[in-house]
Amino acid sequence: MAKRSGGKFPGGMNMQNMMKQAQKMQQDMQEKQQQLNEMELEAQAGGGAVKVIVTGARKLKHITIQPEAVDPDDVEMLEDLVIAAVNEAMNMAEEKANEVMGDVTGGMNLGGLF
């Protein structure tokens, strides 16, 4: 087994520098996550009949339904509008999370971790 001297890895990086970089990356990620938690994104469906607001961390925060969108004889349409608006807002939040976290992760897609 090869012995490494002075805690150095191939390429000259030592363990202490790696740990410092990992800690910095973790701190940066926490700051970006807080930024996403505070960010609000709005999406709508049905020409504004249904509006939703989600955070950048993909938490549904608010739904607004215009009275004209409520038809007791066509509840399925309203359900579809809500689903469409929520899905659009969640897609927007995921894109924003990837954008915000991209500079911390070096562009790696971490598969919805944020």
Protein backbone atom coordinates (compact mmCIF):
# COMPACT_ATOMS: atom_id res chain seq x y z
CA MET A 1 0.00 0.00 0.00
CA ALA A 2 1.37 3.42 -0.92
CA LYS A 3 2.08 5.75 1.94
CA ARG A 4 1.09 9.38 1.60
CA SER A 5 3.38 11.86 3.23
CA GLY A 6 2.17 14.98 4.98
CA GLY A 7 -1.51 14.23 4.40
CA LYS A 8 -1.22 15.18 0.73
CA PHE A 9 -3.43 13.77 -1.97
CA PRO A 10 -2.54 13.42 -5.62
CA GLY A 11 -2.33 16.85 -7.18
CA GLY A 12 -0.83 18.40 -4.05
CA MET A 13 -4.09 19.13 -2.18
CA ASN A 14 -3.89 18.42 1.51
CA MET A 15 -6.68 17.29 3.83
CA GLN A 16 -6.80 20.59 5.74
CA ASN A 17 -7.41 22.59 2.55
CA MET A 18 -10.07 20.11 1.45
CA MET A 19 -11.85 20.44 4.80
CA LYS A 20 -11.75 24.25 4.59
CA GLN A 21 -13.19 24.16 1.09
CA ALA A 22 -15.92 21.73 2.18
CA GLN A 23 -16.85 23.96 5.13
CA LYS A 24 -16.96 27.03 2.88
CA MET A 25 -19.16 25.20 0.38
CA GLN A 26 -21.49 24.07 3.18
CA GLN A 27 -21.76 27.63 4.51
CA ASP A 28 -22.42 28.99 1.00
CA MET A 29 -25.11 26.35 0.45
CA GLN A 30 -26.82 27.25 3.73
CA GLU A 31 -26.83 30.93 2.74
CA LYS A 32 -28.27 30.13 -0.69
CA GLN A 33 -30.91 27.86 0.88
CA GLN A 34 -31.98 30.72 3.15
CA GLN A 35 -32.17 32.97 0.09
CA LEU A 36 -34.42 30.40 -1.61
CA ASN A 37 -36.61 30.10 1.50
CA GLU A 38 -37.26 33.84 1.38
CA MET A 39 -37.85 34.03 -2.39
CA GLU A 40 -41.44 34.02 -3.68
CA LEU A 41 -42.48 32.94 -7.17
CA GLU A 42 -45.96 33.36 -8.64
CA ALA A 43 -47.61 31.30 -11.37
CA GLN A 44 -51.12 31.39 -12.73
CA ALA A 45 -53.51 29.37 -14.83
CA GLY A 46 -56.75 30.11 -16.65
CA GLY A 47 -55.72 33.65 -17.52
CA GLY A 48 -55.22 34.51 -13.86
CA ALA A 49 -58.27 32.67 -12.55
CA VAL A 50 -55.97 30.71 -10.26
CA LYS A 51 -52.73 32.13 -8.88
CA VAL A 52 -50.28 30.40 -6.60
CA ILE A 53 -47.20 31.57 -4.75
CA VAL A 54 -44.40 29.20 -3.79
CA THR A 55 -41.06 29.82 -2.16
CA GLY A 56 -37.81 29.14 -3.95
CA ALA A 57 -37.54 26.12 -1.65
CA ARG A 58 -40.73 24.74 -3.31
CA LYS A 59 -43.15 25.29 -0.46
CA LEU A 60 -46.68 26.27 -1.45
CA LYS A 61 -47.40 29.54 0.32
CA HIS A 62 -50.65 30.92 -1.08
CA ILE A 63 -53.46 30.15 -3.54
CA THR A 64 -55.86 32.76 -4.92
CA ILE A 65 -58.95 31.64 -6.82
CA GLN A 66 -61.06 34.22 -8.60
CA PRO A 67 -64.82 33.82 -7.92
CA GLU A 68 -65.59 33.39 -11.63
CA ALA A 69 -63.39 30.27 -11.65
CA VAL A 70 -65.71 28.56 -9.19
CA ASP A 71 -68.40 26.69 -11.11
CA PRO A 72 -70.20 24.08 -8.97
CA ASP A 73 -71.10 22.23 -12.17
CA ASP A 74 -67.47 22.00 -13.30
CA VAL A 75 -65.30 21.39 -10.25
CA GLU A 76 -62.86 19.36 -12.38
CA MET A 77 -61.91 22.47 -14.35
CA LEU A 78 -61.01 24.31 -11.16
CA GLU A 79 -59.02 21.32 -9.93
CA ASP A 80 -57.12 21.27 -13.24
CA LEU A 81 -56.39 24.98 -13.00
CA VAL A 82 -55.03 24.60 -9.46
CA ILE A 83 -52.84 21.68 -10.51
CA ALA A 84 -51.54 23.57 -13.55
CA ALA A 85 -50.69 26.67 -11.53
CA VAL A 86 -49.00 24.70 -8.74
CA ASN A 87 -46.97 22.62 -11.19
CA GLU A 88 -45.85 25.73 -13.08
CA ALA A 89 -44.81 27.45 -9.84
CA MET A 90 -42.92 24.36 -8.68
CA ASN A 91 -41.08 24.19 -12.01
CA MET A 92 -40.16 27.85 -11.67
CA ALA A 93 -38.89 27.22 -8.13
CA GLU A 94 -36.81 24.25 -9.24
CA GLU A 95 -35.23 26.26 -12.05
CA LYS A 96 -34.48 29.11 -9.65
CA ALA A 97 -32.98 26.70 -7.09
CA ASN A 98 -30.72 25.19 -9.74
CA GLU A 99 -29.69 28.68 -10.82
CA VAL A 100 -29.00 29.94 -7.30
CA MET A 101 -27.20 26.79 -6.17
CA GLY A 102 -25.30 26.39 -9.44
CA ASP A 103 -22.53 28.77 -8.47
CA VAL A 104 -22.00 26.91 -5.17
CA THR A 105 -22.08 23.42 -6.66
CA GLY A 106 -20.09 24.32 -9.75
CA GLY A 107 -23.07 23.61 -11.99
CA MET A 108 -23.59 20.05 -10.75
CA ASN A 109 -27.24 19.05 -10.81
CA LEU A 110 -27.79 17.53 -7.40
CA GLY A 111 -31.16 16.06 -8.33
CA GLY A 112 -33.67 18.20 -6.47
CA LEU A 113 -31.78 18.40 -3.20
CA PHE A 114 -32.69 22.06 -2.86
